[in-house]
Amino acid sequence: MPVTMICPNLKCGRTVVAADSARGKVVRCAHCQALFLVPRDVSRHTRETRPADPAGDEAKRRNP
């Protein structure tokens, strides 16, 4: 499954899609030519895998 990331170059910020075989390798953004490393295990870098807060961050923001 391809890896979809955002270019780390703050002036670019484009979406970069890298092949699954690029995990752990350095790739280049097709737009700005910035080099960056594709993480080996992308799932640990996504929001969905963070442990849920039992109290809920949303509740804390509404009732300080």
C-alpha atoms as a PDB file:
ATOM      1  CA  MET A   1       0.000   0.000   0.000  1.00  0.00           C
ATOM      2  CA  PRO A   2       1.493   3.395  -0.943  1.00  0.00           C
ATOM      3  CA  VAL A   3       2.617   5.771   1.793  1.00  0.00           C
ATOM      4  CA  THR A   4       1.009   9.228   1.695  1.00  0.00           C
ATOM      5  CA  MET A   5       2.827  12.038   3.514  1.00  0.00           C
ATOM      6  CA  ILE A   6       3.133  15.796   3.516  1.00  0.00           C
ATOM      7  CA  CYS A   7       6.401  17.276   2.249  1.00  0.00           C
ATOM      8  CA  PRO A   8       8.376  18.460   5.308  1.00  0.00           C
ATOM      9  CA  ASN A   9       9.513  21.584   3.458  1.00  0.00           C
ATOM     10  CA  LEU A  10       7.397  24.310   5.068  1.00  0.00           C
ATOM     11  CA  LYS A  11       7.387  26.354   1.866  1.00  0.00           C
ATOM     12  CA  CYS A  12       6.023  23.375  -0.096  1.00  0.00           C
ATOM     13  CA  GLY A  13       3.678  21.273   2.055  1.00  0.00           C
ATOM     14  CA  ARG A  14       2.444  19.241  -0.914  1.00  0.00           C
ATOM     15  CA  THR A  15       1.180  15.691  -0.615  1.00  0.00           C
ATOM     16  CA  VAL A  16       3.811  13.101  -1.494  1.00  0.00           C
ATOM     17  CA  VAL A  17       2.877   9.509  -2.320  1.00  0.00           C
ATOM     18  CA  ALA A  18       5.728   7.025  -2.031  1.00  0.00           C
ATOM     19  CA  ALA A  19       5.671   3.366  -2.999  1.00  0.00           C
ATOM     20  CA  ASP A  20       5.511   0.809  -0.211  1.00  0.00           C
ATOM     21  CA  SER A  21       9.024  -0.275  -1.188  1.00  0.00           C
ATOM     22  CA  ALA A  22      10.299   3.227  -0.259  1.00  0.00           C
ATOM     23  CA  ARG A  23       9.751   2.645   3.478  1.00  0.00           C
ATOM     24  CA  GLY A  24      12.988   3.366   5.328  1.00  0.00           C
ATOM     25  CA  LYS A  25      14.509   5.104   2.307  1.00  0.00           C
ATOM     26  CA  VAL A  26      15.164   8.713   1.373  1.00  0.00           C
ATOM     27  CA  VAL A  27      12.802  10.116  -1.254  1.00  0.00           C
ATOM     28  CA  ARG A  28      12.555  13.433  -3.057  1.00  0.00           C
ATOM     29  CA  CYS A  29       9.485  15.661  -3.290  1.00  0.00           C
ATOM     30  CA  ALA A  30       8.532  15.908  -6.957  1.00  0.00           C
ATOM     31  CA  HIS A  31       7.581  19.573  -6.570  1.00  0.00           C
ATOM     32  CA  CYS A  32      10.340  21.215  -4.475  1.00  0.00           C
ATOM     33  CA  GLN A  33      13.045  18.502  -4.675  1.00  0.00           C
ATOM     34  CA  ALA A  34      13.407  18.330  -0.858  1.00  0.00           C
ATOM     35  CA  LEU A  35      14.847  15.058   0.453  1.00  0.00           C
ATOM     36  CA  PHE A  36      13.268  13.256   3.387  1.00  0.00           C
ATOM     37  CA  LEU A  37      13.037   9.818   4.957  1.00  0.00           C
ATOM     38  CA  VAL A  38       9.927   7.673   4.565  1.00  0.00           C
ATOM     39  CA  PRO A  39       9.219   6.058   7.954  1.00  0.00           C
ATOM     40  CA  ARG A  40       9.438   2.274   8.091  1.00  0.00           C
ATOM     41  CA  ASP A  41       6.273   1.941  10.179  1.00  0.00           C
ATOM     42  CA  VAL A  42       3.941   4.709   9.081  1.00  0.00           C
ATOM     43  CA  SER A  43       1.107   3.630  11.386  1.00  0.00           C
ATOM     44  CA  ARG A  44       2.933   4.837  14.501  1.00  0.00           C
ATOM     45  CA  HIS A  45       3.073   8.346  13.024  1.00  0.00           C
ATOM     46  CA  THR A  46      -0.628   8.707  12.408  1.00  0.00           C
ATOM     47  CA  ARG A  47      -3.292  10.130  14.673  1.00  0.00           C
ATOM     48  CA  GLU A  48      -5.457   7.019  14.670  1.00  0.00           C
ATOM     49  CA  THR A  49      -2.905   4.948  16.587  1.00  0.00           C
ATOM     50  CA  ARG A  50      -2.523   7.316  19.540  1.00  0.00           C
ATOM     51  CA  PRO A  51      -3.986   5.873  22.730  1.00  0.00           C
ATOM     52  CA  ALA A  52      -7.351   7.367  23.543  1.00  0.00           C
ATOM     53  CA  ASP A  53      -7.527   9.648  26.558  1.00  0.00           C
ATOM     54  CA  PRO A  54     -10.135   8.156  28.906  1.00  0.00           C
ATOM     55  CA  ALA A  55     -11.182  11.606  30.164  1.00  0.00           C
ATOM     56  CA  GLY A  56     -11.269  12.935  26.635  1.00  0.00           C
ATOM     57  CA  ASP A  57      -9.298  15.938  25.431  1.00  0.00           C
ATOM     58  CA  GLU A  58     -12.512  17.409  24.039  1.00  0.00           C
ATOM     59  CA  ALA A  59     -14.143  17.446  27.464  1.00  0.00           C
ATOM     60  CA  LYS A  60     -11.110  19.219  28.969  1.00  0.00           C
ATOM     61  CA  ARG A  61     -11.264  21.943  26.358  1.00  0.00           C
ATOM     62  CA  ARG A  62     -14.962  22.587  26.923  1.00  0.00           C
ATOM     63  CA  ASN A  63     -14.822  22.549  30.738  1.00  0.00           C
ATOM     64  CA  PRO A  64     -11.479  23.963  31.944  1.00  0.00           C
END
